[in-house]
Amino acid sequence: MADRSSDDQFRNVQREIRESIRRNHPNPGRLGCVGSEKLRQMAAGTVTPSDPAYHHVMECSPCYEELMELAERATASQKSAQSARRRVLAGTIAAVAAVVAVL
């Protein structure tokens, strides 16, 4: 039961972040985007949370959506899909915390 509650909470937080970025940072012209290769690296967990690309992703709905899609694909090919999503989310949350701290 505790695992299910934790999974539900994780999905709720992820959904809230996604909706907030969509609403507040649409970037329809994809200005300043980091590119699909960098997003693939981020989804694979090979980019450190301090990388400036995370800051961009938190302010660009198209990049965030692409990152989430890539992360979902990457996790499908791994034994532990849940841990990979959490790594990406942890990096994203770390970036959000850094942005909030700067602001």
N, C-alpha and C. Protein backbone atom coordinates (compact mmCIF):
# COMPACT_ATOMS: atom_id res chain seq x y z
N MET A 1 0.81 -1.20 0.00
CA MET A 1 0.00 0.00 0.00
C MET A 1 0.86 1.27 0.00
N ALA A 2 1.95 1.24 0.79
CA ALA A 2 2.82 2.42 0.85
C ALA A 2 3.45 2.71 -0.50
N ASP A 3 3.85 1.65 -1.23
CA ASP A 3 4.44 1.86 -2.55
C ASP A 3 3.44 2.49 -3.50
N ARG A 4 2.21 2.03 -3.46
CA ARG A 4 1.19 2.58 -4.35
C ARG A 4 0.96 4.06 -4.05
N SER A 5 0.90 4.41 -2.78
CA SER A 5 0.71 5.80 -2.39
C SER A 5 1.90 6.64 -2.87
N SER A 6 3.10 6.13 -2.72
CA SER A 6 4.29 6.82 -3.18
C SER A 6 4.27 7.01 -4.70
N ASP A 7 3.88 5.98 -5.42
CA ASP A 7 3.77 6.08 -6.88
C ASP A 7 2.72 7.10 -7.28
N ASP A 8 1.60 7.10 -6.57
CA ASP A 8 0.54 8.08 -6.86
C ASP A 8 1.04 9.50 -6.61
N GLN A 9 1.75 9.69 -5.52
CA GLN A 9 2.29 11.01 -5.21
C GLN A 9 3.28 11.45 -6.27
N PHE A 10 4.13 10.53 -6.70
CA PHE A 10 5.11 10.82 -7.75
C PHE A 10 4.40 11.26 -9.02
N ARG A 11 3.38 10.52 -9.43
CA ARG A 11 2.64 10.87 -10.65
C ARG A 11 1.93 12.21 -10.50
N ASN A 12 1.39 12.48 -9.31
CA ASN A 12 0.72 13.76 -9.08
C ASN A 12 1.69 14.93 -9.18
N VAL A 13 2.86 14.79 -8.58
CA VAL A 13 3.88 15.86 -8.65
C VAL A 13 4.32 16.05 -10.10
N GLN A 14 4.56 14.95 -10.79
CA GLN A 14 4.99 15.02 -12.18
C GLN A 14 3.92 15.72 -13.03
N ARG A 15 2.67 15.38 -12.82
CA ARG A 15 1.57 16.00 -13.58
C ARG A 15 1.47 17.50 -13.28
N GLU A 16 1.62 17.88 -12.02
CA GLU A 16 1.55 19.29 -11.65
C GLU A 16 2.69 20.09 -12.29
N ILE A 17 3.89 19.54 -12.28
CA ILE A 17 5.03 20.21 -12.90
C ILE A 17 4.78 20.38 -14.39
N ARG A 18 4.34 19.31 -15.03
CA ARG A 18 4.08 19.34 -16.48
C ARG A 18 3.03 20.41 -16.83
N GLU A 19 1.94 20.43 -16.08
CA GLU A 19 0.88 21.41 -16.34
C GLU A 19 1.36 22.84 -16.11
N SER A 20 2.16 23.04 -15.08
CA SER A 20 2.68 24.37 -14.79
C SER A 20 3.59 24.86 -15.91
N ILE A 21 4.46 23.99 -16.38
CA ILE A 21 5.37 24.39 -17.46
C ILE A 21 4.59 24.66 -18.74
N ARG A 22 3.62 23.83 -19.05
CA ARG A 22 2.78 24.08 -20.25
C ARG A 22 2.11 25.45 -20.16
N ARG A 23 1.55 25.73 -19.01
CA ARG A 23 0.78 26.96 -18.83
C ARG A 23 1.68 28.20 -18.80
N ASN A 24 2.80 28.12 -18.12
CA ASN A 24 3.64 29.30 -17.88
C ASN A 24 4.76 29.52 -18.88
N HIS A 25 5.13 28.48 -19.63
CA HIS A 25 6.28 28.59 -20.53
C HIS A 25 6.02 27.88 -21.86
N PRO A 26 5.08 28.39 -22.66
CA PRO A 26 4.72 27.67 -23.90
C PRO A 26 5.83 27.65 -24.97
N ASN A 27 6.56 28.71 -25.17
CA ASN A 27 7.66 28.81 -26.15
C ASN A 27 7.32 28.17 -27.51
N PRO A 28 6.26 28.65 -28.17
CA PRO A 28 5.87 28.04 -29.45
C PRO A 28 6.93 28.16 -30.54
N GLY A 29 7.79 29.17 -30.46
CA GLY A 29 8.84 29.33 -31.46
C GLY A 29 10.09 28.53 -31.15
N ARG A 30 10.09 27.82 -30.05
CA ARG A 30 11.23 27.00 -29.60
C ARG A 30 12.52 27.81 -29.56
N LEU A 31 12.43 29.02 -29.03
CA LEU A 31 13.59 29.90 -28.93
C LEU A 31 14.56 29.39 -27.88
N GLY A 32 15.83 29.30 -28.25
CA GLY A 32 16.88 28.90 -27.32
C GLY A 32 16.89 27.44 -26.93
N CYS A 33 16.20 26.61 -27.69
CA CYS A 33 16.09 25.19 -27.32
C CYS A 33 17.45 24.50 -27.36
N VAL A 34 17.59 23.50 -26.49
CA VAL A 34 18.88 22.82 -26.31
C VAL A 34 19.12 21.72 -27.33
N GLY A 35 18.11 21.30 -28.03
CA GLY A 35 18.26 20.28 -29.07
C GLY A 35 17.95 18.88 -28.58
N SER A 36 17.55 18.05 -29.51
CA SER A 36 17.12 16.68 -29.19
C SER A 36 18.26 15.83 -28.63
N GLU A 37 19.47 16.03 -29.11
CA GLU A 37 20.58 15.20 -28.60
C GLU A 37 20.83 15.47 -27.12
N LYS A 38 20.82 16.73 -26.74
CA LYS A 38 21.02 17.07 -25.33
C LYS A 38 19.86 16.51 -24.50
N LEU A 39 18.65 16.60 -25.02
CA LEU A 39 17.50 16.05 -24.31
C LEU A 39 17.61 14.54 -24.15
N ARG A 40 18.13 13.87 -25.18
CA ARG A 40 18.36 12.41 -25.07
C ARG A 40 19.37 12.09 -23.98
N GLN A 41 20.42 12.90 -23.91
CA GLN A 41 21.42 12.70 -22.86
C GLN A 41 20.81 12.93 -21.47
N MET A 42 19.97 13.94 -21.38
CA MET A 42 19.31 14.21 -20.11
C MET A 42 18.40 13.05 -19.72
N ALA A 43 17.66 12.54 -20.68
CA ALA A 43 16.75 11.41 -20.41
C ALA A 43 17.53 10.17 -19.99
N ALA A 44 18.72 10.02 -20.53
CA ALA A 44 19.56 8.87 -20.19
C ALA A 44 20.24 9.05 -18.84
N GLY A 45 20.15 10.25 -18.27
CA GLY A 45 20.75 10.50 -16.97
C GLY A 45 22.24 10.80 -17.03
N THR A 46 22.74 11.19 -18.20
CA THR A 46 24.18 11.45 -18.34
C THR A 46 24.52 12.94 -18.24
N VAL A 47 23.53 13.76 -17.95
CA VAL A 47 23.74 15.20 -17.81
C VAL A 47 23.57 15.55 -16.34
N THR A 48 24.54 16.26 -15.78
CA THR A 48 24.45 16.61 -14.36
C THR A 48 23.32 17.61 -14.12
N PRO A 49 22.69 17.55 -12.96
CA PRO A 49 21.59 18.49 -12.66
C PRO A 49 22.01 19.95 -12.69
N SER A 50 23.29 20.24 -12.59
CA SER A 50 23.74 21.63 -12.62
C SER A 50 23.88 22.17 -14.04
N ASP A 51 23.71 21.31 -15.05
CA ASP A 51 23.83 21.75 -16.44
C ASP A 51 22.75 22.79 -16.75
N PRO A 52 23.13 23.88 -17.43
CA PRO A 52 22.16 24.94 -17.77
C PRO A 52 20.99 24.45 -18.63
N ALA A 53 21.12 23.31 -19.27
CA ALA A 53 20.03 22.79 -20.09
C ALA A 53 18.78 22.54 -19.24
N TYR A 54 18.97 22.15 -17.98
CA TYR A 54 17.81 21.93 -17.11
C TYR A 54 17.04 23.21 -16.88
N HIS A 55 17.77 24.31 -16.75
CA HIS A 55 17.10 25.61 -16.58
C HIS A 55 16.22 25.90 -17.80
N HIS A 56 16.77 25.67 -18.99
CA HIS A 56 15.99 25.91 -20.20
C HIS A 56 14.75 25.01 -20.23
N VAL A 57 14.93 23.73 -19.93
CA VAL A 57 13.83 22.78 -20.00
C VAL A 57 12.69 23.20 -19.06
N MET A 58 13.05 23.78 -17.92
CA MET A 58 12.02 24.21 -16.97
C MET A 58 11.29 25.46 -17.45
N GLU A 59 11.80 26.10 -18.50
CA GLU A 59 11.16 27.30 -19.03
C GLU A 59 10.74 27.13 -20.48
N CYS A 60 10.63 25.89 -20.93
CA CYS A 60 10.27 25.63 -22.32
C CYS A 60 9.40 24.38 -22.38
N SER A 61 8.13 24.59 -22.55
CA SER A 61 7.20 23.46 -22.59
C SER A 61 7.54 22.44 -23.68
N PRO A 62 7.87 22.86 -24.91
CA PRO A 62 8.19 21.85 -25.92
C PRO A 62 9.40 20.98 -25.54
N CYS A 63 10.44 21.60 -24.97
CA CYS A 63 11.61 20.82 -24.56
C CYS A 63 11.26 19.90 -23.39
N TYR A 64 10.47 20.40 -22.46
CA TYR A 64 10.08 19.57 -21.32
C TYR A 64 9.28 18.37 -21.80
N GLU A 65 8.33 18.61 -22.69
CA GLU A 65 7.51 17.50 -23.22
C GLU A 65 8.38 16.49 -23.96
N GLU A 66 9.32 16.98 -24.76
CA GLU A 66 10.21 16.07 -25.48
C GLU A 66 11.06 15.28 -24.50
N LEU A 67 11.57 15.95 -23.47
CA LEU A 67 12.37 15.25 -22.45
C LEU A 67 11.55 14.17 -21.77
N MET A 68 10.31 14.47 -21.43
CA MET A 68 9.46 13.47 -20.76
C MET A 68 9.19 12.28 -21.69
N GLU A 69 8.95 12.55 -22.97
CA GLU A 69 8.74 11.45 -23.92
C GLU A 69 10.00 10.60 -24.06
N LEU A 70 11.14 11.24 -24.16
CA LEU A 70 12.40 10.51 -24.26
C LEU A 70 12.67 9.71 -22.99
N ALA A 71 12.36 10.29 -21.85
CA ALA A 71 12.56 9.59 -20.58
C ALA A 71 11.66 8.37 -20.49
N GLU A 72 10.42 8.52 -20.95
CA GLU A 72 9.49 7.38 -20.93
C GLU A 72 9.99 6.26 -21.84
N ARG A 73 10.51 6.62 -23.00
CA ARG A 73 11.06 5.59 -23.91
C ARG A 73 12.30 4.94 -23.30
N ALA A 74 13.15 5.75 -22.71
CA ALA A 74 14.37 5.22 -22.11
C ALA A 74 14.05 4.26 -20.97
N THR A 75 13.06 4.62 -20.19
CA THR A 75 12.72 3.77 -19.06
C THR A 75 12.06 2.47 -19.49
N ALA A 76 11.39 2.51 -20.63
CA ALA A 76 10.76 1.29 -21.13
C ALA A 76 11.80 0.24 -21.47
N SER A 77 12.99 0.67 -21.83
CA SER A 77 14.04 -0.27 -22.22
C SER A 77 14.92 -0.68 -21.03
N GLN A 78 14.65 -0.14 -19.87
CA GLN A 78 15.44 -0.47 -18.68
C GLN A 78 14.64 -1.38 -17.76
N LYS A 79 15.36 -2.10 -16.91
CA LYS A 79 14.69 -2.98 -15.95
C LYS A 79 13.84 -2.17 -14.98
N SER A 80 14.36 -1.09 -14.50
CA SER A 80 13.64 -0.31 -13.50
C SER A 80 13.18 1.01 -14.09
N ALA A 81 12.03 0.99 -14.73
CA ALA A 81 11.50 2.20 -15.35
C ALA A 81 11.26 3.28 -14.30
N GLN A 82 10.81 2.90 -13.18
CA GLN A 82 10.48 3.86 -12.13
C GLN A 82 11.70 4.63 -11.66
N SER A 83 12.83 3.98 -11.48
CA SER A 83 14.02 4.67 -10.98
C SER A 83 14.56 5.66 -12.02
N ALA A 84 14.47 5.34 -13.28
CA ALA A 84 14.96 6.26 -14.32
C ALA A 84 14.11 7.53 -14.37
N ARG A 85 12.80 7.39 -14.30
CA ARG A 85 11.92 8.57 -14.29
C ARG A 85 12.22 9.43 -13.08
N ARG A 86 12.46 8.77 -11.97
CA ARG A 86 12.75 9.52 -10.75
C ARG A 86 14.08 10.26 -10.87
N ARG A 87 15.07 9.67 -11.55
CA ARG A 87 16.34 10.37 -11.75
C ARG A 87 16.11 11.63 -12.59
N VAL A 88 15.34 11.50 -13.66
CA VAL A 88 15.05 12.67 -14.50
C VAL A 88 14.27 13.70 -13.70
N LEU A 89 13.27 13.24 -12.97
CA LEU A 89 12.47 14.17 -12.17
C LEU A 89 13.33 14.80 -11.08
N ALA A 90 14.20 14.02 -10.45
CA ALA A 90 15.07 14.56 -9.41
C ALA A 90 15.97 15.64 -9.99
N GLY A 91 16.51 15.42 -11.18
CA GLY A 91 17.32 16.43 -11.83
C GLY A 91 16.50 17.67 -12.15
N THR A 92 15.28 17.46 -12.61
CA THR A 92 14.39 18.56 -12.94
C THR A 92 14.04 19.35 -11.68
N ILE A 93 13.73 18.64 -10.60
CA ILE A 93 13.39 19.30 -9.35
C ILE A 93 14.59 20.07 -8.81
N ALA A 94 15.79 19.48 -8.95
CA ALA A 94 17.00 20.18 -8.52
C ALA A 94 17.17 21.47 -9.32
N ALA A 95 16.89 21.40 -10.61
CA ALA A 95 17.00 22.59 -11.45
C ALA A 95 15.96 23.63 -11.05
N VAL A 96 14.74 23.18 -10.77
CA VAL A 96 13.69 24.11 -10.32
C VAL A 96 14.12 24.77 -9.03
N ALA A 97 14.66 23.99 -8.11
CA ALA A 97 15.09 24.55 -6.83
C ALA A 97 16.19 25.59 -7.06
N ALA A 98 17.09 25.33 -7.98
CA ALA A 98 18.15 26.28 -8.29
C ALA A 98 17.57 27.56 -8.87
N VAL A 99 16.62 27.43 -9.79
CA VAL A 99 15.98 28.60 -10.40
C VAL A 99 15.25 29.41 -9.34
N VAL A 100 14.52 28.72 -8.46
CA VAL A 100 13.78 29.40 -7.41
C VAL A 100 14.75 30.12 -6.47
N ALA A 101 15.86 29.47 -6.16
CA ALA A 101 16.84 30.08 -5.28
C ALA A 101 17.43 31.35 -5.90
N VAL A 102 17.66 31.32 -7.21
CA VAL A 102 18.20 32.48 -7.91
C VAL A 102 17.19 33.61 -7.93
N LEU A 103 15.92 33.26 -8.14
CA LEU A 103 14.87 34.28 -8.20
C LEU A 103 14.61 34.83 -6.82
